[in-house]
Amino acid sequence: MINKLRGVSACKFFRPPGGICNNKVLRASKGYSIAGVNHWVSDNFIFSSRVMARKLLDSIKKRGPGVVVLHEGTVSLTARTRAVVPEALGIIIPQLKEQGYTFCTLEECARDNPIIIPAERN
């Protein structure tokens, strides 16, 4: 039914909670591509956009390009990150563009990123 909604398509990617991927997770995610994450920032407990931006930019400098996960905050303690994440992205994106980085959707970068793997192998 979801596929019949206008402008909505089926989800193709799955990020294991906490990044933990084992055989049980692989079996449960059959049919999805696993989206691994290169950069984890404990953003649920960062309440400063400058601190969040610095942590992510430092991670990218050390580990190189890759998939980034940022949360918007879903519980009362972390709800403040709903404002921090967009502000941090306003710092991060221009700096990365200046350094020559480009951005892509998971669909686009799945072709070239070994951290995104098919859950089913032929």
N, C-alpha and C. Protein backbone atom coordinates (compact mmCIF):
# COMPACT_ATOMS: atom_id res chain seq x y z
N MET A 1 0.81 -1.20 0.00
CA MET A 1 0.00 0.00 0.00
C MET A 1 0.85 1.26 0.00
N ILE A 2 1.95 1.27 0.72
CA ILE A 2 2.80 2.46 0.78
C ILE A 2 3.29 2.84 -0.60
N ASN A 3 3.60 1.87 -1.46
CA ASN A 3 4.09 2.17 -2.79
C ASN A 3 3.05 2.87 -3.64
N LYS A 4 1.79 2.77 -3.30
CA LYS A 4 0.73 3.41 -4.07
C LYS A 4 0.56 4.88 -3.70
N LEU A 5 1.15 5.30 -2.57
CA LEU A 5 1.04 6.69 -2.18
C LEU A 5 1.86 7.55 -3.13
N ARG A 6 1.35 8.67 -3.46
CA ARG A 6 2.02 9.56 -4.42
C ARG A 6 3.35 10.05 -3.86
N GLY A 7 4.42 9.87 -4.63
CA GLY A 7 5.73 10.38 -4.24
C GLY A 7 6.47 9.55 -3.21
N VAL A 8 5.94 8.41 -2.84
CA VAL A 8 6.59 7.58 -1.84
C VAL A 8 7.05 6.29 -2.50
N SER A 9 8.29 5.93 -2.25
CA SER A 9 8.79 4.68 -2.81
C SER A 9 9.26 3.76 -1.68
N ALA A 10 9.41 2.51 -2.01
CA ALA A 10 9.82 1.53 -1.02
C ALA A 10 11.25 1.82 -0.55
N CYS A 11 11.52 1.54 0.69
CA CYS A 11 12.85 1.71 1.26
C CYS A 11 13.76 0.62 0.72
N LYS A 12 14.97 0.99 0.33
CA LYS A 12 15.92 0.03 -0.22
C LYS A 12 17.10 -0.23 0.72
N PHE A 13 17.27 0.64 1.71
CA PHE A 13 18.46 0.58 2.56
C PHE A 13 18.08 0.37 4.02
N PHE A 14 19.01 -0.23 4.74
CA PHE A 14 18.80 -0.55 6.15
C PHE A 14 20.10 -0.28 6.89
N ARG A 15 20.04 0.48 7.98
CA ARG A 15 21.20 0.68 8.83
C ARG A 15 20.93 -0.05 10.13
N PRO A 16 21.74 -1.07 10.42
CA PRO A 16 21.52 -1.81 11.66
C PRO A 16 21.62 -0.87 12.87
N PRO A 17 20.71 -0.98 13.82
CA PRO A 17 20.78 -0.15 15.02
C PRO A 17 22.13 -0.30 15.70
N GLY A 18 22.74 0.83 16.00
CA GLY A 18 24.04 0.82 16.66
C GLY A 18 25.15 0.31 15.76
N GLY A 19 24.84 0.07 14.49
CA GLY A 19 25.86 -0.40 13.56
C GLY A 19 26.22 -1.87 13.73
N ILE A 20 25.47 -2.58 14.55
CA ILE A 20 25.78 -3.98 14.82
C ILE A 20 25.15 -4.85 13.74
N CYS A 21 26.00 -5.58 13.04
CA CYS A 21 25.51 -6.42 11.95
C CYS A 21 26.05 -7.84 12.13
N ASN A 22 25.15 -8.77 12.34
CA ASN A 22 25.54 -10.17 12.47
C ASN A 22 24.62 -11.00 11.58
N ASN A 23 24.75 -12.32 11.63
CA ASN A 23 23.93 -13.18 10.76
C ASN A 23 22.44 -12.99 10.99
N LYS A 24 22.03 -12.79 12.22
CA LYS A 24 20.61 -12.59 12.53
C LYS A 24 20.10 -11.31 11.87
N VAL A 25 20.88 -10.26 11.95
CA VAL A 25 20.50 -8.99 11.31
C VAL A 25 20.46 -9.16 9.79
N LEU A 26 21.44 -9.86 9.23
CA LEU A 26 21.45 -10.08 7.78
C LEU A 26 20.21 -10.84 7.33
N ARG A 27 19.81 -11.85 8.10
CA ARG A 27 18.60 -12.61 7.73
C ARG A 27 17.36 -11.72 7.81
N ALA A 28 17.28 -10.90 8.84
CA ALA A 28 16.11 -10.03 9.03
C ALA A 28 16.04 -8.93 7.98
N SER A 29 17.18 -8.54 7.45
CA SER A 29 17.21 -7.43 6.49
C SER A 29 17.20 -7.91 5.05
N LYS A 30 16.84 -9.14 4.83
CA LYS A 30 16.83 -9.71 3.48
C LYS A 30 16.02 -8.82 2.53
N GLY A 31 16.62 -8.52 1.42
CA GLY A 31 15.95 -7.67 0.44
C GLY A 31 16.37 -6.21 0.50
N TYR A 32 17.07 -5.83 1.55
CA TYR A 32 17.56 -4.46 1.68
C TYR A 32 19.06 -4.45 1.46
N SER A 33 19.61 -3.29 1.13
CA SER A 33 21.05 -3.12 1.15
C SER A 33 21.42 -2.58 2.51
N ILE A 34 22.50 -3.09 3.07
CA ILE A 34 22.97 -2.63 4.38
C ILE A 34 23.77 -1.36 4.16
N ALA A 35 23.39 -0.30 4.85
CA ALA A 35 24.13 0.96 4.77
C ALA A 35 24.99 1.07 6.02
N GLY A 36 26.27 0.81 5.86
CA GLY A 36 27.20 0.99 6.97
C GLY A 36 27.46 2.47 7.16
N VAL A 37 28.09 2.81 8.24
CA VAL A 37 28.32 4.22 8.56
C VAL A 37 29.80 4.43 8.83
N ASN A 38 30.39 5.41 8.15
CA ASN A 38 31.79 5.74 8.35
C ASN A 38 31.98 6.70 9.52
N HIS A 39 30.98 7.53 9.77
CA HIS A 39 31.14 8.59 10.77
C HIS A 39 29.98 8.59 11.74
N TRP A 40 30.29 8.30 12.99
CA TRP A 40 29.30 8.34 14.07
C TRP A 40 29.61 9.55 14.94
N VAL A 41 28.65 10.39 15.13
CA VAL A 41 28.79 11.52 16.03
C VAL A 41 27.69 11.36 17.07
N SER A 42 28.05 11.38 18.33
CA SER A 42 27.04 11.20 19.39
C SER A 42 26.18 12.45 19.48
N ASP A 43 25.46 12.72 18.41
CA ASP A 43 24.73 13.97 18.29
C ASP A 43 23.52 14.06 19.20
N ASN A 44 23.03 12.95 19.71
CA ASN A 44 21.88 13.03 20.61
C ASN A 44 22.20 13.79 21.89
N PHE A 45 23.47 13.90 22.20
CA PHE A 45 23.85 14.58 23.44
C PHE A 45 24.78 15.77 23.19
N ILE A 46 24.78 16.29 21.99
CA ILE A 46 25.54 17.50 21.66
C ILE A 46 24.53 18.61 21.43
N PHE A 47 24.65 19.66 22.20
CA PHE A 47 23.66 20.73 22.13
C PHE A 47 24.24 22.02 21.54
N SER A 48 25.41 21.92 20.89
CA SER A 48 26.04 23.06 20.24
C SER A 48 26.33 22.71 18.79
N SER A 49 25.86 23.53 17.87
CA SER A 49 26.10 23.25 16.45
C SER A 49 27.58 23.32 16.13
N ARG A 50 28.32 24.22 16.78
CA ARG A 50 29.76 24.33 16.52
C ARG A 50 30.51 23.09 16.99
N VAL A 51 30.13 22.55 18.14
CA VAL A 51 30.76 21.33 18.65
C VAL A 51 30.45 20.16 17.73
N MET A 52 29.19 20.04 17.32
CA MET A 52 28.80 18.95 16.43
C MET A 52 29.56 19.04 15.11
N ALA A 53 29.64 20.24 14.54
CA ALA A 53 30.35 20.44 13.27
C ALA A 53 31.82 20.08 13.43
N ARG A 54 32.44 20.52 14.51
CA ARG A 54 33.86 20.23 14.73
C ARG A 54 34.10 18.72 14.83
N LYS A 55 33.25 18.02 15.59
CA LYS A 55 33.41 16.58 15.76
C LYS A 55 33.28 15.84 14.42
N LEU A 56 32.31 16.22 13.63
CA LEU A 56 32.12 15.55 12.35
C LEU A 56 33.24 15.89 11.38
N LEU A 57 33.63 17.15 11.30
CA LEU A 57 34.73 17.54 10.40
C LEU A 57 36.04 16.86 10.81
N ASP A 58 36.28 16.73 12.11
CA ASP A 58 37.47 16.01 12.60
C ASP A 58 37.42 14.54 12.19
N SER A 59 36.25 13.92 12.29
CA SER A 59 36.09 12.52 11.91
C SER A 59 36.36 12.34 10.42
N ILE A 60 35.84 13.24 9.60
CA ILE A 60 36.05 13.14 8.15
C ILE A 60 37.52 13.37 7.81
N LYS A 61 38.16 14.29 8.52
CA LYS A 61 39.59 14.54 8.28
C LYS A 61 40.42 13.29 8.60
N LYS A 62 40.06 12.59 9.67
CA LYS A 62 40.81 11.39 10.08
C LYS A 62 40.47 10.17 9.24
N ARG A 63 39.19 9.98 8.90
CA ARG A 63 38.75 8.73 8.28
C ARG A 63 38.41 8.84 6.80
N GLY A 64 38.33 10.05 6.27
CA GLY A 64 37.99 10.22 4.86
C GLY A 64 36.49 10.28 4.65
N PRO A 65 36.10 10.33 3.38
CA PRO A 65 34.68 10.46 3.06
C PRO A 65 33.90 9.21 3.42
N GLY A 66 32.59 9.34 3.50
CA GLY A 66 31.75 8.18 3.78
C GLY A 66 30.36 8.57 4.19
N VAL A 67 29.66 7.59 4.72
CA VAL A 67 28.28 7.78 5.16
C VAL A 67 28.27 8.37 6.56
N VAL A 68 27.44 9.39 6.76
CA VAL A 68 27.34 10.09 8.04
C VAL A 68 25.93 9.88 8.59
N VAL A 69 25.84 9.63 9.90
CA VAL A 69 24.53 9.55 10.54
C VAL A 69 24.40 10.70 11.53
N LEU A 70 23.32 11.45 11.39
CA LEU A 70 22.96 12.48 12.35
C LEU A 70 21.50 12.28 12.70
N HIS A 71 21.17 12.45 13.96
CA HIS A 71 19.80 12.25 14.43
C HIS A 71 19.17 13.60 14.73
N GLU A 72 17.87 13.65 14.67
CA GLU A 72 17.21 14.91 14.98
C GLU A 72 16.73 14.97 16.43
N GLY A 73 16.88 13.92 17.18
CA GLY A 73 16.44 13.91 18.57
C GLY A 73 14.98 13.52 18.65
N THR A 74 14.69 12.47 19.40
CA THR A 74 13.32 11.96 19.42
C THR A 74 12.74 11.87 20.83
N VAL A 75 13.55 12.04 21.84
CA VAL A 75 13.04 12.02 23.20
C VAL A 75 13.29 13.38 23.82
N SER A 76 12.64 13.66 24.92
CA SER A 76 12.70 15.01 25.48
C SER A 76 14.13 15.47 25.78
N LEU A 77 14.98 14.55 26.24
CA LEU A 77 16.36 14.94 26.56
C LEU A 77 17.12 15.36 25.31
N THR A 78 16.86 14.71 24.19
CA THR A 78 17.63 14.99 22.98
C THR A 78 16.87 15.85 21.98
N ALA A 79 15.69 16.27 22.30
CA ALA A 79 14.88 17.04 21.37
C ALA A 79 15.58 18.34 20.94
N ARG A 80 16.46 18.87 21.79
CA ARG A 80 17.17 20.11 21.44
C ARG A 80 18.04 19.92 20.20
N THR A 81 18.43 18.68 19.87
CA THR A 81 19.26 18.48 18.69
C THR A 81 18.48 18.74 17.40
N ARG A 82 17.16 18.84 17.48
CA ARG A 82 16.38 19.17 16.28
C ARG A 82 16.80 20.51 15.70
N ALA A 83 17.21 21.43 16.54
CA ALA A 83 17.69 22.73 16.07
C ALA A 83 19.18 22.69 15.79
N VAL A 84 19.93 21.88 16.52
CA VAL A 84 21.39 21.85 16.40
C VAL A 84 21.84 21.21 15.09
N VAL A 85 21.20 20.12 14.68
CA VAL A 85 21.65 19.41 13.47
C VAL A 85 21.57 20.32 12.23
N PRO A 86 20.45 20.98 11.95
CA PRO A 86 20.43 21.87 10.77
C PRO A 86 21.45 22.99 10.86
N GLU A 87 21.65 23.54 12.05
CA GLU A 87 22.65 24.60 12.22
C GLU A 87 24.05 24.05 11.95
N ALA A 88 24.34 22.84 12.45
CA ALA A 88 25.65 22.22 12.23
C ALA A 88 25.86 21.94 10.74
N LEU A 89 24.82 21.48 10.06
CA LEU A 89 24.95 21.22 8.62
C LEU A 89 25.24 22.51 7.85
N GLY A 90 24.73 23.63 8.35
CA GLY A 90 25.02 24.93 7.74
C GLY A 90 26.49 25.30 7.86
N ILE A 91 27.19 24.71 8.80
CA ILE A 91 28.64 24.90 8.97
C ILE A 91 29.40 23.84 8.17
N ILE A 92 28.95 22.59 8.29
CA ILE A 92 29.66 21.44 7.73
C ILE A 92 29.65 21.44 6.20
N ILE A 93 28.49 21.59 5.60
CA ILE A 93 28.37 21.46 4.14
C ILE A 93 29.23 22.47 3.39
N PRO A 94 29.18 23.77 3.73
CA PRO A 94 30.04 24.72 3.00
C PRO A 94 31.53 24.40 3.16
N GLN A 95 31.96 23.96 4.35
CA GLN A 95 33.37 23.65 4.55
C GLN A 95 33.80 22.44 3.72
N LEU A 96 32.95 21.42 3.69
CA LEU A 96 33.28 20.23 2.90
C LEU A 96 33.28 20.54 1.40
N LYS A 97 32.35 21.38 0.95
CA LYS A 97 32.33 21.77 -0.47
C LYS A 97 33.62 22.53 -0.82
N GLU A 98 34.07 23.41 0.09
CA GLU A 98 35.33 24.13 -0.13
C GLU A 98 36.50 23.17 -0.28
N GLN A 99 36.44 22.05 0.42
CA GLN A 99 37.51 21.06 0.37
C GLN A 99 37.36 20.10 -0.82
N GLY A 100 36.33 20.30 -1.62
CA GLY A 100 36.16 19.50 -2.83
C GLY A 100 35.25 18.29 -2.67
N TYR A 101 34.63 18.15 -1.51
CA TYR A 101 33.70 17.03 -1.32
C TYR A 101 32.41 17.28 -2.09
N THR A 102 31.78 16.20 -2.51
CA THR A 102 30.47 16.27 -3.12
C THR A 102 29.53 15.39 -2.30
N PHE A 103 28.25 15.53 -2.53
CA PHE A 103 27.25 14.81 -1.74
C PHE A 103 26.39 13.97 -2.68
N CYS A 104 25.94 12.84 -2.18
CA CYS A 104 25.11 11.97 -3.01
C CYS A 104 24.08 11.27 -2.13
N THR A 105 23.08 10.74 -2.79
CA THR A 105 22.09 9.92 -2.09
C THR A 105 22.69 8.54 -1.85
N LEU A 106 22.10 7.76 -0.97
CA LEU A 106 22.57 6.39 -0.78
C LEU A 106 22.51 5.61 -2.09
N GLU A 107 21.47 5.83 -2.84
CA GLU A 107 21.31 5.15 -4.14
C GLU A 107 22.50 5.45 -5.05
N GLU A 108 22.89 6.71 -5.12
CA GLU A 108 24.00 7.10 -5.99
C GLU A 108 25.33 6.55 -5.48
N CYS A 109 25.57 6.68 -4.19
CA CYS A 109 26.88 6.28 -3.68
C CYS A 109 26.99 4.77 -3.46
N ALA A 110 25.89 4.05 -3.52
CA ALA A 110 25.95 2.59 -3.35
C ALA A 110 26.78 1.95 -4.46
N ARG A 111 26.84 2.59 -5.60
CA ARG A 111 27.62 2.05 -6.73
C ARG A 111 29.11 2.05 -6.44
N ASP A 112 29.59 3.03 -5.64
CA ASP A 112 31.03 3.20 -5.44
C ASP A 112 31.50 3.04 -4.00
N ASN A 113 30.60 2.80 -3.08
CA ASN A 113 30.97 2.77 -1.67
C ASN A 113 30.90 1.34 -1.14
N PRO A 114 32.03 0.75 -0.78
CA PRO A 114 32.02 -0.64 -0.31
C PRO A 114 31.34 -0.82 1.03
N ILE A 115 31.02 0.27 1.73
CA ILE A 115 30.37 0.13 3.02
C ILE A 115 28.86 -0.08 2.86
N ILE A 116 28.35 0.08 1.64
CA ILE A 116 26.95 -0.23 1.36
C ILE A 116 26.94 -1.55 0.60
N ILE A 117 26.46 -2.59 1.26
CA ILE A 117 26.52 -3.92 0.67
C ILE A 117 25.13 -4.50 0.49
N PRO A 118 24.92 -5.27 -0.55
CA PRO A 118 23.62 -5.90 -0.72
C PRO A 118 23.38 -6.91 0.41
N ALA A 119 22.17 -6.94 0.92
CA ALA A 119 21.86 -7.92 1.96
C ALA A 119 21.76 -9.31 1.36
N GLU A 120 21.40 -9.38 0.09
CA GLU A 120 21.31 -10.67 -0.60
C GLU A 120 22.40 -10.71 -1.66
N ARG A 121 23.13 -11.78 -1.70
CA ARG A 121 24.16 -11.95 -2.73
C ARG A 121 23.69 -13.01 -3.71
N ASN A 122 23.86 -12.75 -4.98
CA ASN A 122 23.47 -13.72 -6.01
C ASN A 122 24.54 -14.78 -6.17
